[in-house]
């Protein structure tokens, strides 16, 4: 899987979250277009329409920052 891209403000919000899951959608360039931070995965996750991860795993992945022009 390619790297997931997210803007800095959203990365900050996710990193400070107390929720357990992030449910998100990606565009064709793997940029997060929308997300929901939740403790109720069954309510928000729809297989084939969006993706989910544990917040703790997502936090580890967004610690690596690449800045592009």
PDB file of N, CA and C in Angstrom:
ATOM      1  N   UNK A   1       0.836  -1.178   0.000  1.00  0.00           N
ATOM      2  CA  UNK A   1       0.000   0.000   0.000  1.00  0.00           C
ATOM      3  C   UNK A   1       0.877   1.236   0.000  1.00  0.00           C
ATOM      4  N   UNK A   2       0.511   2.233  -0.806  1.00  0.00           N
ATOM      5  CA  UNK A   2       1.246   3.487  -0.861  1.00  0.00           C
ATOM      6  C   UNK A   2       1.014   4.291   0.407  1.00  0.00           C
ATOM      7  N   UNK A   3       1.846   5.286   0.585  1.00  0.00           N
ATOM      8  CA  UNK A   3       1.722   6.153   1.755  1.00  0.00           C
ATOM      9  C   UNK A   3       0.415   6.931   1.701  1.00  0.00           C
ATOM     10  N   UNK A   4      -0.199   7.082   2.843  1.00  0.00           N
ATOM     11  CA  UNK A   4      -1.416   7.874   2.958  1.00  0.00           C
ATOM     12  C   UNK A   4      -1.006   9.313   3.213  1.00  0.00           C
ATOM     13  N   UNK A   5      -1.640  10.253   2.507  1.00  0.00           N
ATOM     14  CA  UNK A   5      -1.298  11.667   2.639  1.00  0.00           C
ATOM     15  C   UNK A   5      -2.422  12.383   3.379  1.00  0.00           C
ATOM     16  N   UNK A   6      -2.030  13.230   4.325  1.00  0.00           N
ATOM     17  CA  UNK A   6      -3.005  13.973   5.121  1.00  0.00           C
ATOM     18  C   UNK A   6      -2.404  15.327   5.462  1.00  0.00           C
ATOM     19  N   UNK A   7      -3.243  16.351   5.550  1.00  0.00           N
ATOM     20  CA  UNK A   7      -2.687  17.673   5.851  1.00  0.00           C
ATOM     21  C   UNK A   7      -2.311  17.768   7.328  1.00  0.00           C
ATOM     22  N   UNK A   8      -1.509  18.761   7.643  1.00  0.00           N
ATOM     23  CA  UNK A   8      -0.925  18.895   8.978  1.00  0.00           C
ATOM     24  C   UNK A   8      -1.965  19.151  10.062  1.00  0.00           C
ATOM     25  N   UNK A   9      -2.976  19.935   9.769  1.00  0.00           N
ATOM     26  CA  UNK A   9      -4.010  20.232  10.771  1.00  0.00           C
ATOM     27  C   UNK A   9      -4.770  18.963  11.136  1.00  0.00           C
ATOM     28  N   UNK A  10      -5.152  18.173  10.142  1.00  0.00           N
ATOM     29  CA  UNK A  10      -5.856  16.922  10.427  1.00  0.00           C
ATOM     30  C   UNK A  10      -4.960  15.930  11.146  1.00  0.00           C
ATOM     31  N   UNK A  11      -3.689  15.885  10.792  1.00  0.00           N
ATOM     32  CA  UNK A  11      -2.753  14.994  11.489  1.00  0.00           C
ATOM     33  C   UNK A  11      -2.652  15.374  12.962  1.00  0.00           C
ATOM     34  N   UNK A  12      -2.658  16.666  13.254  1.00  0.00           N
ATOM     35  CA  UNK A  12      -2.618  17.143  14.643  1.00  0.00           C
ATOM     36  C   UNK A  12      -3.881  16.711  15.389  1.00  0.00           C
ATOM     37  N   UNK A  13      -5.044  16.890  14.767  1.00  0.00           N
ATOM     38  CA  UNK A  13      -6.315  16.507  15.398  1.00  0.00           C
ATOM     39  C   UNK A  13      -6.357  15.009  15.685  1.00  0.00           C
ATOM     40  N   UNK A  14      -5.898  14.216  14.729  1.00  0.00           N
ATOM     41  CA  UNK A  14      -5.902  12.761  14.892  1.00  0.00           C
ATOM     42  C   UNK A  14      -4.938  12.354  15.999  1.00  0.00           C
ATOM     43  N   UNK A  15      -3.778  12.972  16.027  1.00  0.00           N
ATOM     44  CA  UNK A  15      -2.762  12.626  17.024  1.00  0.00           C
ATOM     45  C   UNK A  15      -3.231  12.937  18.448  1.00  0.00           C
ATOM     46  N   UNK A  16      -4.094  13.916  18.618  1.00  0.00           N
ATOM     47  CA  UNK A  16      -4.591  14.300  19.937  1.00  0.00           C
ATOM     48  C   UNK A  16      -5.926  13.652  20.282  1.00  0.00           C
ATOM     49  N   UNK A  17      -6.402  12.767  19.448  1.00  0.00           N
ATOM     50  CA  UNK A  17      -7.712  12.152  19.650  1.00  0.00           C
ATOM     51  C   UNK A  17      -7.695  11.109  20.766  1.00  0.00           C
ATOM     52  N   UNK A  18      -8.813  10.993  21.450  1.00  0.00           N
ATOM     53  CA  UNK A  18      -9.009   9.966  22.475  1.00  0.00           C
ATOM     54  C   UNK A  18      -9.838   8.796  21.934  1.00  0.00           C
ATOM     55  N   UNK A  19     -10.234   8.845  20.666  1.00  0.00           N
ATOM     56  CA  UNK A  19     -11.065   7.802  20.062  1.00  0.00           C
ATOM     57  C   UNK A  19     -10.218   6.574  19.732  1.00  0.00           C
ATOM     58  N   UNK A  20     -10.890   5.461  19.402  1.00  0.00           N
ATOM     59  CA  UNK A  20     -10.198   4.205  19.116  1.00  0.00           C
ATOM     60  C   UNK A  20      -9.950   3.962  17.632  1.00  0.00           C
ATOM     61  N   UNK A  21     -10.863   4.427  16.770  1.00  0.00           N
ATOM     62  CA  UNK A  21     -10.778   4.139  15.339  1.00  0.00           C
ATOM     63  C   UNK A  21     -10.835   5.413  14.513  1.00  0.00           C
ATOM     64  N   UNK A  22     -10.232   5.332  13.320  1.00  0.00           N
ATOM     65  CA  UNK A  22     -10.423   6.342  12.297  1.00  0.00           C
ATOM     66  C   UNK A  22     -11.014   5.632  11.087  1.00  0.00           C
ATOM     67  N   UNK A  23     -12.109   6.162  10.593  1.00  0.00           N
ATOM     68  CA  UNK A  23     -12.747   5.666   9.372  1.00  0.00           C
ATOM     69  C   UNK A  23     -12.524   6.761   8.339  1.00  0.00           C
ATOM     70  N   UNK A  24     -11.913   6.415   7.201  1.00  0.00           N
ATOM     71  CA  UNK A  24     -11.510   7.441   6.246  1.00  0.00           C
ATOM     72  C   UNK A  24     -11.717   6.982   4.811  1.00  0.00           C
ATOM     73  N   UNK A  25     -11.785   7.967   3.903  1.00  0.00           N
ATOM     74  CA  UNK A  25     -11.848   7.694   2.473  1.00  0.00           C
ATOM     75  C   UNK A  25     -10.630   8.343   1.818  1.00  0.00           C
ATOM     76  N   UNK A  26     -10.177   7.719   0.750  1.00  0.00           N
ATOM     77  CA  UNK A  26      -9.009   8.191   0.015  1.00  0.00           C
ATOM     78  C   UNK A  26      -9.397   8.531  -1.414  1.00  0.00           C
ATOM     79  N   UNK A  27      -8.685   9.493  -2.010  1.00  0.00           N
ATOM     80  CA  UNK A  27      -8.858   9.736  -3.432  1.00  0.00           C
ATOM     81  C   UNK A  27      -7.848   8.879  -4.198  1.00  0.00           C
ATOM     82  N   UNK A  28      -7.754   9.058  -5.501  1.00  0.00           N
ATOM     83  CA  UNK A  28      -6.883   8.199  -6.318  1.00  0.00           C
ATOM     84  C   UNK A  28      -5.400   8.411  -6.036  1.00  0.00           C
ATOM     85  N   UNK A  29      -5.059   9.526  -5.365  1.00  0.00           N
ATOM     86  CA  UNK A  29      -3.663   9.814  -5.021  1.00  0.00           C
ATOM     87  C   UNK A  29      -3.330   9.469  -3.573  1.00  0.00           C
ATOM     88  N   UNK A  30      -4.198   8.689  -2.917  1.00  0.00           N
ATOM     89  CA  UNK A  30      -4.046   8.283  -1.515  1.00  0.00           C
ATOM     90  C   UNK A  30      -4.060   9.460  -0.543  1.00  0.00           C
ATOM     91  N   UNK A  31      -4.766  10.523  -0.900  1.00  0.00           N
ATOM     92  CA  UNK A  31      -4.949  11.658  -0.008  1.00  0.00           C
ATOM     93  C   UNK A  31      -6.250  11.464   0.758  1.00  0.00           C
ATOM     94  N   UNK A  32      -6.213  11.622   2.068  1.00  0.00           N
ATOM     95  CA  UNK A  32      -7.411  11.466   2.887  1.00  0.00           C
ATOM     96  C   UNK A  32      -8.370  12.602   2.547  1.00  0.00           C
ATOM     97  N   UNK A  33      -9.533  12.248   1.988  1.00  0.00           N
ATOM     98  CA  UNK A  33     -10.518  13.261   1.612  1.00  0.00           C
ATOM     99  C   UNK A  33     -11.514  13.529   2.724  1.00  0.00           C
ATOM    100  N   UNK A  34     -11.809  12.526   3.531  1.00  0.00           N
ATOM    101  CA  UNK A  34     -12.688  12.709   4.684  1.00  0.00           C
ATOM    102  C   UNK A  34     -12.372  11.636   5.706  1.00  0.00           C
ATOM    103  N   UNK A  35     -12.678  11.952   6.962  1.00  0.00           N
ATOM    104  CA  UNK A  35     -12.444  10.968   8.025  1.00  0.00           C
ATOM    105  C   UNK A  35     -13.389  11.235   9.186  1.00  0.00           C
ATOM    106  N   UNK A  36     -13.590  10.195   9.984  1.00  0.00           N
ATOM    107  CA  UNK A  36     -14.381  10.283  11.206  1.00  0.00           C
ATOM    108  C   UNK A  36     -13.593   9.570  12.301  1.00  0.00           C
ATOM    109  N   UNK A  37     -13.451  10.220  13.428  1.00  0.00           N
ATOM    110  CA  UNK A  37     -12.835   9.603  14.598  1.00  0.00           C
ATOM    111  C   UNK A  37     -13.960   9.071  15.458  1.00  0.00           C
ATOM    112  N   UNK A  38     -13.907   7.777  15.791  1.00  0.00           N
ATOM    113  CA  UNK A  38     -15.051   7.162  16.456  1.00  0.00           C
ATOM    114  C   UNK A  38     -14.630   6.027  17.383  1.00  0.00           C
ATOM    115  N   UNK A  39     -15.504   5.707  18.297  1.00  0.00           N
ATOM    116  CA  UNK A  39     -15.374   4.494  19.100  1.00  0.00           C
ATOM    117  C   UNK A  39     -16.347   3.426  18.603  1.00  0.00           C
ATOM    118  N   UNK A  40     -17.268   3.800  17.721  1.00  0.00           N
ATOM    119  CA  UNK A  40     -18.297   2.905  17.214  1.00  0.00           C
ATOM    120  C   UNK A  40     -18.015   2.576  15.745  1.00  0.00           C
ATOM    121  N   UNK A  41     -17.168   1.593  15.518  1.00  0.00           N
ATOM    122  CA  UNK A  41     -16.757   1.230  14.162  1.00  0.00           C
ATOM    123  C   UNK A  41     -17.921   0.740  13.321  1.00  0.00           C
ATOM    124  N   UNK A  42     -18.822  -0.039  13.904  1.00  0.00           N
ATOM    125  CA  UNK A  42     -19.932  -0.620  13.143  1.00  0.00           C
ATOM    126  C   UNK A  42     -20.874   0.432  12.586  1.00  0.00           C
ATOM    127  N   UNK A  43     -20.952   1.564  13.215  1.00  0.00           N
ATOM    128  CA  UNK A  43     -21.859   2.617  12.754  1.00  0.00           C
ATOM    129  C   UNK A  43     -21.324   3.338  11.515  1.00  0.00           C
ATOM    130  N   UNK A  44     -20.000   3.507  11.413  1.00  0.00           N
ATOM    131  CA  UNK A  44     -19.423   4.351  10.369  1.00  0.00           C
ATOM    132  C   UNK A  44     -18.724   3.593   9.243  1.00  0.00           C
ATOM    133  N   UNK A  45     -18.193   2.417   9.501  1.00  0.00           N
ATOM    134  CA  UNK A  45     -17.439   1.689   8.477  1.00  0.00           C
ATOM    135  C   UNK A  45     -18.378   0.953   7.526  1.00  0.00           C
ATOM    136  N   UNK A  46     -18.165   1.180   6.239  1.00  0.00           N
ATOM    137  CA  UNK A  46     -18.929   0.491   5.207  1.00  0.00           C
ATOM    138  C   UNK A  46     -17.939  -0.163   4.251  1.00  0.00           C
ATOM    139  N   UNK A  47     -17.887  -1.493   4.281  1.00  0.00           N
ATOM    140  CA  UNK A  47     -16.911  -2.240   3.499  1.00  0.00           C
ATOM    141  C   UNK A  47     -17.025  -1.889   2.020  1.00  0.00           C
ATOM    142  N   UNK A  48     -15.894  -1.603   1.404  1.00  0.00           N
ATOM    143  CA  UNK A  48     -15.848  -1.252  -0.004  1.00  0.00           C
ATOM    144  C   UNK A  48     -16.028   0.232  -0.276  1.00  0.00           C
ATOM    145  N   UNK A  49     -16.543   0.975   0.704  1.00  0.00           N
ATOM    146  CA  UNK A  49     -16.753   2.416   0.524  1.00  0.00           C
ATOM    147  C   UNK A  49     -15.694   3.250   1.231  1.00  0.00           C
ATOM    148  N   UNK A  50     -15.194   2.764   2.374  1.00  0.00           N
ATOM    149  CA  UNK A  50     -14.187   3.502   3.118  1.00  0.00           C
ATOM    150  C   UNK A  50     -13.237   2.528   3.795  1.00  0.00           C
ATOM    151  N   UNK A  51     -12.290   3.044   4.525  1.00  0.00           N
ATOM    152  CA  UNK A  51     -11.264   2.250   5.198  1.00  0.00           C
ATOM    153  C   UNK A  51     -11.276   2.585   6.678  1.00  0.00           C
ATOM    154  N   UNK A  52     -10.678   1.714   7.483  1.00  0.00           N
ATOM    155  CA  UNK A  52     -10.539   2.022   8.902  1.00  0.00           C
ATOM    156  C   UNK A  52      -9.214   1.505   9.420  1.00  0.00           C
ATOM    157  N   UNK A  53      -8.760   2.128  10.487  1.00  0.00           N
ATOM    158  CA  UNK A  53      -7.572   1.684  11.219  1.00  0.00           C
ATOM    159  C   UNK A  53      -7.751   2.044  12.670  1.00  0.00           C
ATOM    160  N   UNK A  54      -7.026   1.356  13.512  1.00  0.00           N
ATOM    161  CA  UNK A  54      -6.930   1.767  14.905  1.00  0.00           C
ATOM    162  C   UNK A  54      -6.177   3.088  14.959  1.00  0.00           C
ATOM    163  N   UNK A  55      -6.619   3.981  15.795  1.00  0.00           N
ATOM    164  CA  UNK A  55      -5.968   5.286  15.914  1.00  0.00           C
ATOM    165  C   UNK A  55      -4.495   5.132  16.277  1.00  0.00           C
ATOM    166  N   UNK A  56      -4.165   4.189  17.166  1.00  0.00           N
ATOM    167  CA  UNK A  56      -2.773   4.013  17.582  1.00  0.00           C
ATOM    168  C   UNK A  56      -1.870   3.657  16.403  1.00  0.00           C
ATOM    169  N   UNK A  57      -2.349   2.827  15.497  1.00  0.00           N
ATOM    170  CA  UNK A  57      -1.572   2.466  14.308  1.00  0.00           C
ATOM    171  C   UNK A  57      -1.453   3.661  13.372  1.00  0.00           C
ATOM    172  N   UNK A  58      -2.559   4.365  13.183  1.00  0.00           N
ATOM    173  CA  UNK A  58      -2.555   5.540  12.313  1.00  0.00           C
ATOM    174  C   UNK A  58      -1.603   6.606  12.851  1.00  0.00           C
ATOM    175  N   UNK A  59      -1.588   6.798  14.167  1.00  0.00           N
ATOM    176  CA  UNK A  59      -0.693   7.782  14.779  1.00  0.00           C
ATOM    177  C   UNK A  59       0.768   7.449  14.491  1.00  0.00           C
ATOM    178  N   UNK A  60       1.131   6.183  14.553  1.00  0.00           N
ATOM    179  CA  UNK A  60       2.508   5.779  14.258  1.00  0.00           C
ATOM    180  C   UNK A  60       2.866   6.088  12.814  1.00  0.00           C
ATOM    181  N   UNK A  61       1.906   5.917  11.908  1.00  0.00           N
ATOM    182  CA  UNK A  61       2.172   6.152  10.490  1.00  0.00           C
ATOM    183  C   UNK A  61       2.276   7.637  10.160  1.00  0.00           C
ATOM    184  N   UNK A  62       1.551   8.502  10.871  1.00  0.00           N
ATOM    185  CA  UNK A  62       1.611   9.922  10.530  1.00  0.00           C
ATOM    186  C   UNK A  62       2.748  10.664  11.241  1.00  0.00           C
ATOM    187  N   UNK A  63       3.529   9.973  12.050  1.00  0.00           N
ATOM    188  CA  UNK A  63       4.680  10.608  12.688  1.00  0.00           C
ATOM    189  C   UNK A  63       5.767  10.923  11.663  1.00  0.00           C
ATOM    190  N   UNK A  64       5.776  10.210  10.557  1.00  0.00           N
ATOM    191  CA  UNK A  64       6.758  10.443   9.488  1.00  0.00           C
ATOM    192  C   UNK A  64       6.192  11.510   8.562  1.00  0.00           C
ATOM    193  N   UNK A  65       6.851  12.649   8.504  1.00  0.00           N
ATOM    194  CA  UNK A  65       6.349  13.774   7.712  1.00  0.00           C
ATOM    195  C   UNK A  65       7.261  13.990   6.515  1.00  0.00           C
ATOM    196  N   UNK A  66       6.653  14.075   5.340  1.00  0.00           N
ATOM    197  CA  UNK A  66       7.361  14.443   4.118  1.00  0.00           C
ATOM    198  C   UNK A  66       6.773  15.757   3.627  1.00  0.00           C
ATOM    199  N   UNK A  67       7.606  16.736   3.399  1.00  0.00           N
ATOM    200  CA  UNK A  67       7.136  18.031   2.916  1.00  0.00           C
ATOM    201  C   UNK A  67       7.552  18.154   1.456  1.00  0.00           C
ATOM    202  N   UNK A  68       6.547  18.409   0.616  1.00  0.00           N
ATOM    203  CA  UNK A  68       6.767  18.529  -0.826  1.00  0.00           C
ATOM    204  C   UNK A  68       6.489  19.949  -1.270  1.00  0.00           C
ATOM    205  N   UNK A  69       7.106  20.346  -2.361  1.00  0.00           N
ATOM    206  CA  UNK A  69       6.838  21.659  -2.946  1.00  0.00           C
ATOM    207  C   UNK A  69       5.558  21.624  -3.725  1.00  0.00           C
TER     208      UNK A  69
END
